[in-house]
Amino acid sequence: FVESGGGLVQPGGSLRLHCSASESLSSIYVMAWYR
């Protein structure tokens, strides 16, 4: 997995993070975000 989209943002702001996989996720039952 490769994550992208992070950065510096002010409180109250928004960001959209992206996670790309090396192969199709069609056979993966559950994907998740952690921090």
PDB file of all heavy atoms in Angstrom:
ATOM      1  N   PHE A   1       0.825  -1.201   0.000  1.00  0.00           N
ATOM      2  CA  PHE A   1       0.000   0.000   0.000  1.00  0.00           C
ATOM      3  C   PHE A   1       0.861   1.252   0.000  1.00  0.00           C
ATOM      4  O   PHE A   1       1.923   1.293   0.630  1.00  0.00           O
ATOM      5  CB  PHE A   1      -0.915   0.021   1.222  1.00  0.00           C
ATOM      6  CG  PHE A   1      -1.777  -1.199   1.349  1.00  0.00           C
ATOM      7  CD1 PHE A   1      -1.480  -2.175   2.285  1.00  0.00           C
ATOM      8  CD2 PHE A   1      -2.873  -1.377   0.526  1.00  0.00           C
ATOM      9  CE1 PHE A   1      -2.268  -3.304   2.402  1.00  0.00           C
ATOM     10  CE2 PHE A   1      -3.666  -2.502   0.627  1.00  0.00           C
ATOM     11  CZ  PHE A   1      -3.365  -3.472   1.578  1.00  0.00           C
ATOM     12  N   VAL A   2       0.395   2.279  -0.714  1.00  0.00           N
ATOM     13  CA  VAL A   2       1.059   3.565  -0.763  1.00  0.00           C
ATOM     14  C   VAL A   2       0.047   4.648  -0.432  1.00  0.00           C
ATOM     15  O   VAL A   2      -0.949   4.807  -1.137  1.00  0.00           O
ATOM     16  CB  VAL A   2       1.687   3.836  -2.139  1.00  0.00           C
ATOM     17  CG1 VAL A   2       2.343   5.210  -2.156  1.00  0.00           C
ATOM     18  CG2 VAL A   2       2.710   2.760  -2.483  1.00  0.00           C
ATOM     19  N   GLU A   3       0.315   5.392   0.636  1.00  0.00           N
ATOM     20  CA  GLU A   3      -0.572   6.457   1.075  1.00  0.00           C
ATOM     21  C   GLU A   3      -0.090   7.805   0.549  1.00  0.00           C
ATOM     22  O   GLU A   3       1.110   8.036   0.428  1.00  0.00           O
ATOM     23  CB  GLU A   3      -0.630   6.510   2.609  1.00  0.00           C
ATOM     24  CG  GLU A   3      -1.106   5.218   3.271  1.00  0.00           C
ATOM     25  CD  GLU A   3       0.021   4.253   3.605  1.00  0.00           C
ATOM     26  OE1 GLU A   3       1.165   4.451   3.118  1.00  0.00           O
ATOM     27  OE2 GLU A   3      -0.226   3.302   4.362  1.00  0.00           O
ATOM     28  N   SER A   4      -1.029   8.693   0.271  1.00  0.00           N
ATOM     29  CA  SER A   4      -0.694  10.029  -0.192  1.00  0.00           C
ATOM     30  C   SER A   4      -1.811  10.991   0.174  1.00  0.00           C
ATOM     31  O   SER A   4      -2.883  10.577   0.598  1.00  0.00           O
ATOM     32  CB  SER A   4      -0.448  10.046  -1.702  1.00  0.00           C
ATOM     33  OG  SER A   4      -1.616   9.662  -2.409  1.00  0.00           O
ATOM     34  N   GLY A   5      -1.558  12.275  -0.010  1.00  0.00           N
ATOM     35  CA  GLY A   5      -2.576  13.291   0.208  1.00  0.00           C
ATOM     36  C   GLY A   5      -2.450  14.068   1.495  1.00  0.00           C
ATOM     37  O   GLY A   5      -3.213  15.016   1.718  1.00  0.00           O
ATOM     38  N   GLY A   6      -1.516  13.693   2.347  1.00  0.00           N
ATOM     39  CA  GLY A   6      -1.343  14.412   3.595  1.00  0.00           C
ATOM     40  C   GLY A   6      -0.726  15.778   3.371  1.00  0.00           C
ATOM     41  O   GLY A   6      -0.298  16.123   2.279  1.00  0.00           O
ATOM     42  N   GLY A   7      -0.691  16.561   4.434  1.00  0.00           N
ATOM     43  CA  GLY A   7      -0.121  17.888   4.353  1.00  0.00           C
ATOM     44  C   GLY A   7      -0.455  18.704   5.579  1.00  0.00           C
ATOM     45  O   GLY A   7      -0.935  18.178   6.584  1.00  0.00           O
ATOM     46  N   LEU A   8      -0.194  19.991   5.492  1.00  0.00           N
ATOM     47  CA  LEU A   8      -0.477  20.928   6.574  1.00  0.00           C
ATOM     48  C   LEU A   8      -1.815  21.598   6.323  1.00  0.00           C
ATOM     49  O   LEU A   8      -2.065  22.111   5.228  1.00  0.00           O
ATOM     50  CB  LEU A   8       0.631  21.980   6.661  1.00  0.00           C
ATOM     51  CG  LEU A   8       0.448  23.105   7.680  1.00  0.00           C
ATOM     52  CD1 LEU A   8       0.426  22.546   9.098  1.00  0.00           C
ATOM     53  CD2 LEU A   8       1.555  24.133   7.520  1.00  0.00           C
ATOM     54  N   VAL A   9      -2.664  21.593   7.328  1.00  0.00           N
ATOM     55  CA  VAL A   9      -3.980  22.197   7.203  1.00  0.00           C
ATOM     56  C   VAL A   9      -4.341  22.898   8.511  1.00  0.00           C
ATOM     57  O   VAL A   9      -3.915  22.478   9.588  1.00  0.00           O
ATOM     58  CB  VAL A   9      -5.038  21.130   6.832  1.00  0.00           C
ATOM     59  CG1 VAL A   9      -5.173  20.092   7.940  1.00  0.00           C
ATOM     60  CG2 VAL A   9      -6.379  21.770   6.523  1.00  0.00           C
ATOM     61  N   GLN A  10      -5.110  23.967   8.409  1.00  0.00           N
ATOM     62  CA  GLN A  10      -5.541  24.690   9.600  1.00  0.00           C
ATOM     63  C   GLN A  10      -6.686  23.962  10.291  1.00  0.00           C
ATOM     64  O   GLN A  10      -7.430  23.207   9.659  1.00  0.00           O
ATOM     65  CB  GLN A  10      -5.984  26.104   9.233  1.00  0.00           C
ATOM     66  CG  GLN A  10      -4.859  26.994   8.731  1.00  0.00           C
ATOM     67  CD  GLN A  10      -5.312  28.415   8.481  1.00  0.00           C
ATOM     68  OE1 GLN A  10      -6.505  28.674   8.280  1.00  0.00           O
ATOM     69  NE2 GLN A  10      -4.371  29.338   8.495  1.00  0.00           N
ATOM     70  N   PRO A  11      -6.843  24.164  11.597  1.00  0.00           N
ATOM     71  CA  PRO A  11      -7.985  23.577  12.291  1.00  0.00           C
ATOM     72  C   PRO A  11      -9.288  23.949  11.595  1.00  0.00           C
ATOM     73  O   PRO A  11      -9.474  25.087  11.169  1.00  0.00           O
ATOM     74  CB  PRO A  11      -7.907  24.185  13.692  1.00  0.00           C
ATOM     75  CG  PRO A  11      -6.450  24.470  13.875  1.00  0.00           C
ATOM     76  CD  PRO A  11      -5.964  24.913  12.519  1.00  0.00           C
ATOM     77  N   GLY A  12     -10.178  22.977  11.483  1.00  0.00           N
ATOM     78  CA  GLY A  12     -11.433  23.178  10.786  1.00  0.00           C
ATOM     79  C   GLY A  12     -11.361  22.884   9.303  1.00  0.00           C
ATOM     80  O   GLY A  12     -12.405  22.830   8.638  1.00  0.00           O
ATOM     81  N   GLY A  13     -10.166  22.677   8.796  1.00  0.00           N
ATOM     82  CA  GLY A  13      -9.982  22.411   7.387  1.00  0.00           C
ATOM     83  C   GLY A  13     -10.225  20.961   7.021  1.00  0.00           C
ATOM     84  O   GLY A  13     -10.599  20.140   7.854  1.00  0.00           O
ATOM     85  N   SER A  14      -9.979  20.650   5.747  1.00  0.00           N
ATOM     86  CA  SER A  14     -10.231  19.315   5.218  1.00  0.00           C
ATOM     87  C   SER A  14      -9.051  18.809   4.407  1.00  0.00           C
ATOM     88  O   SER A  14      -8.295  19.589   3.823  1.00  0.00           O
ATOM     89  CB  SER A  14     -11.473  19.313   4.320  1.00  0.00           C
ATOM     90  OG  SER A  14     -12.636  19.674   5.033  1.00  0.00           O
ATOM     91  N   LEU A  15      -8.909  17.505   4.376  1.00  0.00           N
ATOM     92  CA  LEU A  15      -7.947  16.830   3.526  1.00  0.00           C
ATOM     93  C   LEU A  15      -8.575  15.532   3.035  1.00  0.00           C
ATOM     94  O   LEU A  15      -9.432  14.966   3.714  1.00  0.00           O
ATOM     95  CB  LEU A  15      -6.653  16.497   4.269  1.00  0.00           C
ATOM     96  CG  LEU A  15      -5.642  17.611   4.526  1.00  0.00           C
ATOM     97  CD1 LEU A  15      -4.517  17.077   5.407  1.00  0.00           C
ATOM     98  CD2 LEU A  15      -5.085  18.149   3.217  1.00  0.00           C
ATOM     99  N   ARG A  16      -8.131  15.081   1.878  1.00  0.00           N
ATOM    100  CA  ARG A  16      -8.564  13.786   1.364  1.00  0.00           C
ATOM    101  C   ARG A  16      -7.328  12.932   1.134  1.00  0.00           C
ATOM    102  O   ARG A  16      -6.484  13.269   0.302  1.00  0.00           O
ATOM    103  CB  ARG A  16      -9.362  13.932   0.069  1.00  0.00           C
ATOM    104  CG  ARG A  16     -10.060  12.636  -0.365  1.00  0.00           C
ATOM    105  CD  ARG A  16     -10.896  12.854  -1.613  1.00  0.00           C
ATOM    106  NE  ARG A  16     -11.626  11.665  -2.008  1.00  0.00           N
ATOM    107  CZ  ARG A  16     -12.883  11.402  -1.681  1.00  0.00           C
ATOM    108  NH1 ARG A  16     -13.571  12.275  -0.937  1.00  0.00           N
ATOM    109  NH2 ARG A  16     -13.469  10.291  -2.092  1.00  0.00           N
ATOM    110  N   LEU A  17      -7.227  11.846   1.873  1.00  0.00           N
ATOM    111  CA  LEU A  17      -6.109  10.936   1.757  1.00  0.00           C
ATOM    112  C   LEU A  17      -6.427   9.832   0.761  1.00  0.00           C
ATOM    113  O   LEU A  17      -7.581   9.424   0.610  1.00  0.00           O
ATOM    114  CB  LEU A  17      -5.770  10.310   3.108  1.00  0.00           C
ATOM    115  CG  LEU A  17      -5.496  11.280   4.260  1.00  0.00           C
ATOM    116  CD1 LEU A  17      -5.063  10.500   5.495  1.00  0.00           C
ATOM    117  CD2 LEU A  17      -4.452  12.312   3.868  1.00  0.00           C
ATOM    118  N   HIS A  18      -5.398   9.353   0.093  1.00  0.00           N
ATOM    119  CA  HIS A  18      -5.556   8.313  -0.912  1.00  0.00           C
ATOM    120  C   HIS A  18      -4.626   7.154  -0.598  1.00  0.00           C
ATOM    121  O   HIS A  18      -3.481   7.363  -0.193  1.00  0.00           O
ATOM    122  CB  HIS A  18      -5.245   8.882  -2.299  1.00  0.00           C
ATOM    123  CG  HIS A  18      -5.433   7.916  -3.414  1.00  0.00           C
ATOM    124  ND1 HIS A  18      -6.675   7.556  -3.882  1.00  0.00           N
ATOM    125  CD2 HIS A  18      -4.528   7.228  -4.161  1.00  0.00           C
ATOM    126  CE1 HIS A  18      -6.537   6.694  -4.871  1.00  0.00           C
ATOM    127  NE2 HIS A  18      -5.240   6.478  -5.057  1.00  0.00           N
ATOM    128  N   CYS A  19      -5.111   5.960  -0.799  1.00  0.00           N
ATOM    129  CA  CYS A  19      -4.323   4.749  -0.607  1.00  0.00           C
ATOM    130  C   CYS A  19      -4.429   3.897  -1.852  1.00  0.00           C
ATOM    131  O   CYS A  19      -5.523   3.458  -2.220  1.00  0.00           O
ATOM    132  CB  CYS A  19      -4.830   3.970   0.606  1.00  0.00           C
ATOM    133  SG  CYS A  19      -4.160   2.297   0.756  1.00  0.00           S
ATOM    134  N   SER A  20      -3.307   3.682  -2.517  1.00  0.00           N
ATOM    135  CA  SER A  20      -3.287   2.814  -3.683  1.00  0.00           C
ATOM    136  C   SER A  20      -2.632   1.488  -3.322  1.00  0.00           C
ATOM    137  O   SER A  20      -1.686   1.443  -2.540  1.00  0.00           O
ATOM    138  CB  SER A  20      -2.551   3.477  -4.843  1.00  0.00           C
ATOM    139  OG  SER A  20      -1.204   3.741  -4.505  1.00  0.00           O
ATOM    140  N   ALA A  21      -3.132   0.418  -3.909  1.00  0.00           N
ATOM    141  CA  ALA A  21      -2.639  -0.915  -3.635  1.00  0.00           C
ATOM    142  C   ALA A  21      -1.889  -1.468  -4.837  1.00  0.00           C
ATOM    143  O   ALA A  21      -2.133  -1.063  -5.974  1.00  0.00           O
ATOM    144  CB  ALA A  21      -3.788  -1.849  -3.265  1.00  0.00           C
ATOM    145  N   SER A  22      -0.988  -2.398  -4.574  1.00  0.00           N
ATOM    146  CA  SER A  22      -0.190  -2.991  -5.632  1.00  0.00           C
ATOM    147  C   SER A  22      -0.983  -3.963  -6.492  1.00  0.00           C
ATOM    148  O   SER A  22      -0.506  -4.373  -7.549  1.00  0.00           O
ATOM    149  CB  SER A  22       1.028  -3.702  -5.038  1.00  0.00           C
ATOM    150  OG  SER A  22       0.631  -4.735  -4.161  1.00  0.00           O
ATOM    151  N   GLU A  23      -2.161  -4.335  -6.038  1.00  0.00           N
ATOM    152  CA  GLU A  23      -3.027  -5.222  -6.781  1.00  0.00           C
ATOM    153  C   GLU A  23      -4.469  -4.870  -6.472  1.00  0.00           C
ATOM    154  O   GLU A  23      -4.749  -4.081  -5.574  1.00  0.00           O
ATOM    155  CB  GLU A  23      -2.744  -6.692  -6.447  1.00  0.00           C
ATOM    156  CG  GLU A  23      -2.945  -7.039  -4.989  1.00  0.00           C
ATOM    157  CD  GLU A  23      -2.484  -8.443  -4.655  1.00  0.00           C
ATOM    158  OE1 GLU A  23      -1.267  -8.692  -4.698  1.00  0.00           O
ATOM    159  OE2 GLU A  23      -3.352  -9.296  -4.369  1.00  0.00           O
ATOM    160  N   SER A  24      -5.395  -5.463  -7.217  1.00  0.00           N
ATOM    161  CA  SER A  24      -6.807  -5.184  -7.015  1.00  0.00           C
ATOM    162  C   SER A  24      -7.245  -5.518  -5.594  1.00  0.00           C
ATOM    163  O   SER A  24      -6.812  -6.506  -5.011  1.00  0.00           O
ATOM    164  CB  SER A  24      -7.646  -5.979  -8.016  1.00  0.00           C
ATOM    165  OG  SER A  24      -9.026  -5.817  -7.765  1.00  0.00           O
ATOM    166  N   LEU A  25      -8.116  -4.688  -5.059  1.00  0.00           N
ATOM    167  CA  LEU A  25      -8.674  -4.912  -3.726  1.00  0.00           C
ATOM    168  C   LEU A  25      -9.970  -5.702  -3.770  1.00  0.00           C
ATOM    169  O   LEU A  25     -10.619  -5.878  -2.742  1.00  0.00           O
ATOM    170  CB  LEU A  25      -8.919  -3.574  -3.031  1.00  0.00           C
ATOM    171  CG  LEU A  25      -7.698  -2.676  -2.818  1.00  0.00           C
ATOM    172  CD1 LEU A  25      -8.125  -1.365  -2.162  1.00  0.00           C
ATOM    173  CD2 LEU A  25      -6.656  -3.383  -1.974  1.00  0.00           C
ATOM    174  N   SER A  26     -10.339  -6.188  -4.941  1.00  0.00           N
ATOM    175  CA  SER A  26     -11.631  -6.857  -5.100  1.00  0.00           C
ATOM    176  C   SER A  26     -11.763  -8.099  -4.230  1.00  0.00           C
ATOM    177  O   SER A  26     -12.878  -8.484  -3.869  1.00  0.00           O
ATOM    178  CB  SER A  26     -11.863  -7.216  -6.567  1.00  0.00           C
ATOM    179  OG  SER A  26     -10.867  -8.105  -7.045  1.00  0.00           O
ATOM    180  N   SER A  27     -10.644  -8.725  -3.896  1.00  0.00           N
ATOM    181  CA  SER A  27     -10.686  -9.941  -3.084  1.00  0.00           C
ATOM    182  C   SER A  27     -10.371  -9.692  -1.611  1.00  0.00           C
ATOM    183  O   SER A  27     -10.305 -10.640  -0.834  1.00  0.00           O
ATOM    184  CB  SER A  27      -9.715 -10.976  -3.647  1.00  0.00           C
ATOM    185  OG  SER A  27      -8.383 -10.521  -3.591  1.00  0.00           O
ATOM    186  N   ILE A  28     -10.180  -8.433  -1.248  1.00  0.00           N
ATOM    187  CA  ILE A  28      -9.901  -8.078   0.144  1.00  0.00           C
ATOM    188  C   ILE A  28     -11.204  -7.643   0.799  1.00  0.00           C
ATOM    189  O   ILE A  28     -11.819  -6.667   0.380  1.00  0.00           O
ATOM    190  CB  ILE A  28      -8.840  -6.972   0.236  1.00  0.00           C
ATOM    191  CG1 ILE A  28      -7.530  -7.452  -0.389  1.00  0.00           C
ATOM    192  CG2 ILE A  28      -8.626  -6.562   1.689  1.00  0.00           C
ATOM    193  CD1 ILE A  28      -6.431  -6.417  -0.397  1.00  0.00           C
ATOM    194  N   TYR A  29     -11.608  -8.363   1.845  1.00  0.00           N
ATOM    195  CA  TYR A  29     -12.903  -8.103   2.461  1.00  0.00           C
ATOM    196  C   TYR A  29     -12.980  -6.749   3.150  1.00  0.00           C
ATOM    197  O   TYR A  29     -13.977  -6.043   3.030  1.00  0.00           O
ATOM    198  CB  TYR A  29     -13.233  -9.209   3.467  1.00  0.00           C
ATOM    199  CG  TYR A  29     -13.459 -10.567   2.851  1.00  0.00           C
ATOM    200  CD1 TYR A  29     -12.839 -11.694   3.359  1.00  0.00           C
ATOM    201  CD2 TYR A  29     -14.321 -10.718   1.765  1.00  0.00           C
ATOM    202  CE1 TYR A  29     -13.047 -12.943   2.799  1.00  0.00           C
ATOM    203  CE2 TYR A  29     -14.534 -11.961   1.196  1.00  0.00           C
ATOM    204  CZ  TYR A  29     -13.893 -13.068   1.722  1.00  0.00           C
ATOM    205  OH  TYR A  29     -14.110 -14.302   1.165  1.00  0.00           O
ATOM    206  N   VAL A  30     -11.945  -6.392   3.894  1.00  0.00           N
ATOM    207  CA  VAL A  30     -11.962  -5.174   4.687  1.00  0.00           C
ATOM    208  C   VAL A  30     -10.668  -4.390   4.500  1.00  0.00           C
ATOM    209  O   VAL A  30      -9.576  -4.927   4.660  1.00  0.00           O
ATOM    210  CB  VAL A  30     -12.163  -5.468   6.189  1.00  0.00           C
ATOM    211  CG1 VAL A  30     -12.248  -4.168   6.977  1.00  0.00           C
ATOM    212  CG2 VAL A  30     -13.417  -6.308   6.411  1.00  0.00           C
ATOM    213  N   MET A  31     -10.812  -3.113   4.168  1.00  0.00           N
ATOM    214  CA  MET A  31      -9.693  -2.191   4.149  1.00  0.00           C
ATOM    215  C   MET A  31      -9.899  -1.171   5.252  1.00  0.00           C
ATOM    216  O   MET A  31     -11.031  -0.842   5.611  1.00  0.00           O
ATOM    217  CB  MET A  31      -9.581  -1.489   2.799  1.00  0.00           C
ATOM    218  CG  MET A  31      -9.027  -2.366   1.690  1.00  0.00           C
ATOM    219  SD  MET A  31      -7.272  -2.786   1.986  1.00  0.00           S
ATOM    220  CE  MET A  31      -6.512  -1.158   1.967  1.00  0.00           C
ATOM    221  N   ALA A  32      -8.805  -0.662   5.782  1.00  0.00           N
ATOM    222  CA  ALA A  32      -8.906   0.232   6.920  1.00  0.00           C
ATOM    223  C   ALA A  32      -7.854   1.323   6.892  1.00  0.00           C
ATOM    224  O   ALA A  32      -6.818   1.198   6.233  1.00  0.00           O
ATOM    225  CB  ALA A  32      -8.784  -0.562   8.226  1.00  0.00           C
ATOM    226  N   TRP A  33      -8.136   2.392   7.608  1.00  0.00           N
ATOM    227  CA  TRP A  33      -7.185   3.455   7.866  1.00  0.00           C
ATOM    228  C   TRP A  33      -6.801   3.435   9.335  1.00  0.00           C
ATOM    229  O   TRP A  33      -7.645   3.212  10.208  1.00  0.00           O
ATOM    230  CB  TRP A  33      -7.758   4.828   7.515  1.00  0.00           C
ATOM    231  CG  TRP A  33      -7.774   5.126   6.040  1.00  0.00           C
ATOM    232  CD1 TRP A  33      -8.812   4.934   5.176  1.00  0.00           C
ATOM    233  CD2 TRP A  33      -6.702   5.673   5.270  1.00  0.00           C
ATOM    234  NE1 TRP A  33      -8.453   5.331   3.910  1.00  0.00           N
ATOM    235  CE2 TRP A  33      -7.161   5.789   3.934  1.00  0.00           C
ATOM    236  CE3 TRP A  33      -5.397   6.084   5.572  1.00  0.00           C
ATOM    237  CZ2 TRP A  33      -6.361   6.291   2.905  1.00  0.00           C
ATOM    238  CZ3 TRP A  33      -4.602   6.584   4.551  1.00  0.00           C
ATOM    239  CH2 TRP A  33      -5.084   6.684   3.240  1.00  0.00           C
ATOM    240  N   TYR A  34      -5.526   3.683   9.590  1.00  0.00           N
ATOM    241  CA  TYR A  34      -4.981   3.787  10.933  1.00  0.00           C
ATOM    242  C   TYR A  34      -4.173   5.071  11.015  1.00  0.00           C
ATOM    243  O   TYR A  34      -3.823   5.661   9.994  1.00  0.00           O
ATOM    244  CB  TYR A  34      -4.073   2.603  11.257  1.00  0.00           C
ATOM    245  CG  TYR A  34      -4.740   1.252  11.202  1.00  0.00           C
ATOM    246  CD1 TYR A  34      -4.958   0.614   9.985  1.00  0.00           C
ATOM    247  CD2 TYR A  34      -5.144   0.611  12.367  1.00  0.00           C
ATOM    248  CE1 TYR A  34      -5.567  -0.622   9.925  1.00  0.00           C
ATOM    249  CE2 TYR A  34      -5.751  -0.633  12.319  1.00  0.00           C
ATOM    250  CZ  TYR A  34      -5.956  -1.245  11.093  1.00  0.00           C
ATOM    251  OH  TYR A  34      -6.560  -2.473  11.044  1.00  0.00           O
ATOM    252  N   ARG A  35      -3.864   5.498  12.213  1.00  0.00           N
ATOM    253  CA  ARG A  35      -2.986   6.655  12.365  1.00  0.00           C
ATOM    254  C   ARG A  35      -2.116   6.486  13.597  1.00  0.00           C
ATOM    255  O   ARG A  35      -2.450   5.755  14.526  1.00  0.00           O
ATOM    256  CB  ARG A  35      -3.784   7.963  12.458  1.00  0.00           C
ATOM    257  CG  ARG A  35      -4.619   8.117  13.716  1.00  0.00           C
ATOM    258  CD  ARG A  35      -5.446   9.392  13.636  1.00  0.00           C
ATOM    259  NE  ARG A  35      -6.254   9.594  14.833  1.00  0.00           N
ATOM    260  CZ  ARG A  35      -7.172  10.536  14.955  1.00  0.00           C
ATOM    261  NH1 ARG A  35      -7.403  11.387  13.950  1.00  0.00           N
ATOM    262  NH2 ARG A  35      -7.859  10.644  16.086  1.00  0.00           N
TER     263      ARG A  35
END
